[in-house]
Amino acid sequence: MLGEVMVLLNETEFERWFRQAEQTLRSAEHDAVGGFWNWACFKAEQAAQFAVKGLLRALGEPAFGHALTQLLAHLTCIGISVPQHLHQAGRELEREYIPTRYADSYPSGSPYEFYDAMRAQQALALSRQILDFVWEVFRHARNAGATEGTATGAD
C-alpha cells in the first residue's frame, strides 16, 4: 500500500481532516434520507476530497485544488498504490462537484430535479470506499513505523 515510502506522519493533521470527512459524509447521509439528493451527492464528493487531502497533508504533501482525480493521482505519484476502482470512484464523484449546485449546469430546471435516491446512494457508497481506503493507508503507515519522529502538529 505504501511501498517504500517512509515519511514523518502528522497524525494531528490527518485526524482533523478525516474527522471533517466523516462528519461531512454523515451529513450527506442525512440529506439523502431527507430527499436532498443533489446535496448528498455534493457532500459525498466533499467527504472523499477531505479524506484524501488529509492523508496527503499528513504525509507532508501539498493538497490543493478540488479535483479528486488529481488528488488520488498524487497519492499514486508518491508511492501509494491506489486501486483502479478507487480512481474510477474519484472520477464518478468528481462529476458531482459543480452540477449538484449550479442551476446553469443544466439547460433548464434546477439541480435538485436531476438527482434521485439511487444516485445519492451510489455517491455515498463511492465516498465510503475512498474514506475506508484512506483510513487503511493511514493505519498502515502508523503501524509500519512511519511515525518514528512523528510530527504532532505541535511543532
Protein backbone atom coordinates (compact mmCIF):
# COMPACT_ATOMS: atom_id res chain seq x y z
CA MET A 1 0.00 0.00 0.00
CA LEU A 2 2.71 2.47 0.98
CA GLY A 3 5.51 0.77 -0.90
CA GLU A 4 8.87 2.00 0.29
CA VAL A 5 7.60 5.43 1.29
CA MET A 6 8.94 6.42 4.71
CA VAL A 7 7.81 9.80 5.91
CA LEU A 8 7.03 11.68 9.05
CA LEU A 9 3.33 11.23 9.64
CA ASN A 10 1.42 14.18 11.02
CA GLU A 11 -1.36 12.38 12.85
CA THR A 12 -2.96 15.57 14.15
CA GLU A 13 -3.34 16.96 10.65
CA PHE A 14 -4.77 13.68 9.40
CA GLU A 15 -7.25 13.41 12.23
CA ARG A 16 -8.65 16.90 11.82
CA TRP A 17 -9.25 16.41 8.10
CA PHE A 18 -10.53 12.86 8.48
CA ARG A 19 -12.97 13.84 11.23
CA GLN A 20 -14.32 16.54 8.91
CA ALA A 21 -14.61 13.97 6.11
CA GLU A 22 -16.60 11.62 8.34
CA GLN A 23 -18.87 14.41 9.59
CA THR A 24 -19.49 15.58 6.02
CA LEU A 25 -20.37 12.04 4.95
CA ARG A 26 -22.81 11.71 7.87
CA SER A 27 -24.39 15.00 6.79
CA ALA A 28 -24.67 13.65 3.24
CA GLU A 29 -26.40 10.53 4.56
CA HIS A 30 -28.94 12.73 6.37
CA ASP A 31 -29.51 14.74 3.20
CA ALA A 32 -30.15 11.52 1.27
CA VAL A 33 -32.73 10.37 3.81
CA GLY A 34 -34.39 13.79 3.62
CA GLY A 35 -34.58 13.72 -0.17
CA PHE A 36 -31.91 16.37 -0.72
CA TRP A 37 -30.16 14.10 -3.19
CA ASN A 38 -28.13 16.71 -5.04
CA TRP A 39 -26.65 17.88 -1.72
CA ALA A 40 -25.99 14.28 -0.67
CA CYS A 41 -24.01 13.78 -3.89
CA PHE A 42 -22.06 17.01 -3.47
CA LYS A 43 -21.23 16.28 0.16
CA ALA A 44 -20.20 12.72 -0.71
CA GLU A 45 -17.66 14.20 -3.12
CA GLN A 46 -16.53 16.70 -0.50
CA ALA A 47 -16.08 13.99 2.14
CA ALA A 48 -13.85 11.98 -0.18
CA GLN A 49 -11.88 15.10 -1.07
CA PHE A 50 -11.34 15.98 2.61
CA ALA A 51 -10.14 12.47 3.40
CA VAL A 52 -7.61 12.37 0.57
CA LYS A 53 -6.40 15.91 1.36
CA GLY A 54 -5.97 14.91 4.98
CA LEU A 55 -3.84 11.92 4.05
CA LEU A 56 -1.69 13.96 1.69
CA ARG A 57 -1.17 16.69 4.29
CA ALA A 58 -0.38 14.11 6.97
CA LEU A 59 2.31 12.77 4.66
CA GLY A 60 3.76 16.26 4.18
CA GLU A 61 2.44 16.64 0.64
CA PRO A 62 0.61 19.61 -0.87
CA ALA A 63 -3.12 19.09 -1.13
CA PHE A 64 -4.74 21.94 -3.00
CA GLY A 65 -7.48 22.15 -5.57
CA HIS A 66 -10.78 20.39 -5.89
CA ALA A 67 -10.07 17.67 -8.46
CA LEU A 68 -10.45 14.40 -6.62
CA THR A 69 -8.92 12.55 -9.55
CA GLN A 70 -5.76 14.66 -9.29
CA LEU A 71 -5.58 14.23 -5.52
CA LEU A 72 -5.80 10.43 -5.91
CA ALA A 73 -3.21 10.55 -8.69
CA HIS A 74 -0.91 12.47 -6.33
CA LEU A 75 -1.14 9.56 -3.88
CA THR A 76 -0.03 7.23 -6.65
CA CYS A 77 2.85 9.56 -7.56
CA ILE A 78 4.21 9.41 -4.02
CA GLY A 79 4.16 5.61 -3.95
CA ILE A 80 0.76 4.75 -2.54
CA SER A 81 -0.94 2.03 -4.54
CA VAL A 82 -4.47 3.29 -5.20
CA PRO A 83 -6.67 0.52 -6.65
CA GLN A 84 -8.13 1.26 -10.08
CA HIS A 85 -11.70 1.03 -8.77
CA LEU A 86 -10.94 3.94 -6.42
CA HIS A 87 -9.60 6.06 -9.27
CA GLN A 88 -12.92 5.29 -11.00
CA ALA A 89 -14.82 6.20 -7.82
CA GLY A 90 -12.96 9.51 -7.77
CA ARG A 91 -13.97 10.20 -11.39
CA GLU A 92 -17.61 9.42 -10.59
CA LEU A 93 -17.63 11.62 -7.51
CA GLU A 94 -15.82 14.48 -9.22
CA ARG A 95 -18.80 14.74 -11.57
CA GLU A 96 -20.88 15.81 -8.58
CA TYR A 97 -18.76 18.85 -7.74
CA ILE A 98 -20.43 21.55 -9.88
CA PRO A 99 -23.74 20.36 -11.37
CA THR A 100 -25.18 19.49 -7.95
CA ARG A 101 -25.15 23.19 -7.02
CA TYR A 102 -25.41 25.44 -10.06
CA ALA A 103 -28.67 25.94 -11.96
CA ASP A 104 -26.81 26.83 -15.15
CA SER A 105 -25.28 23.35 -15.25
CA TYR A 106 -28.44 22.19 -16.98
CA PRO A 107 -30.34 23.65 -19.95
CA SER A 108 -33.46 24.07 -17.80
CA GLY A 109 -34.69 23.36 -14.31
CA SER A 110 -32.74 23.33 -11.07
CA PRO A 111 -30.05 20.88 -9.99
CA TYR A 112 -32.20 19.11 -7.41
CA GLU A 113 -34.56 17.99 -10.20
CA PHE A 114 -31.81 15.87 -11.77
CA TYR A 115 -30.95 13.76 -8.73
CA ASP A 116 -32.63 10.80 -7.09
CA ALA A 117 -32.17 8.37 -4.22
CA MET A 118 -30.27 5.85 -6.35
CA ARG A 119 -27.70 8.40 -7.49
CA ALA A 120 -27.27 9.65 -3.93
CA GLN A 121 -26.77 6.13 -2.59
CA GLN A 122 -24.18 5.43 -5.27
CA ALA A 123 -22.26 8.61 -4.40
CA LEU A 124 -22.39 7.77 -0.69
CA ALA A 125 -21.07 4.26 -1.33
CA LEU A 126 -18.22 5.54 -3.52
CA SER A 127 -17.27 8.12 -0.92
CA ARG A 128 -17.28 5.49 1.83
CA GLN A 129 -14.93 3.34 -0.25
CA ILE A 130 -12.46 6.21 -0.51
CA LEU A 131 -12.72 7.06 3.19
CA ASP A 132 -12.16 3.41 4.10
CA PHE A 133 -9.11 3.23 1.83
CA VAL A 134 -7.64 6.45 3.23
CA TRP A 135 -8.15 5.18 6.78
CA GLU A 136 -6.39 1.90 5.95
CA VAL A 137 -3.43 3.69 4.35
CA PHE A 138 -3.12 5.93 7.41
CA ARG A 139 -3.42 2.98 9.80
CA HIS A 140 -0.83 1.04 7.83
CA ALA A 141 1.57 4.00 7.80
CA ARG A 142 1.16 4.47 11.53
CA ASN A 143 1.57 0.78 12.32
CA ALA A 144 4.52 0.31 9.94
CA GLY A 145 6.63 2.65 11.97
CA ALA A 146 6.30 5.62 9.66
CA THR A 147 5.56 7.59 12.80
CA GLU A 148 9.09 7.43 14.15
CA GLY A 149 9.68 11.08 14.88
CA THR A 150 6.02 11.74 14.16
CA ALA A 151 5.01 15.34 13.74
CA THR A 152 2.13 16.02 16.07
CA GLY A 153 1.21 19.44 14.87
CA ALA A 154 2.82 20.96 17.95
CA ASP A 155 5.99 21.89 16.09
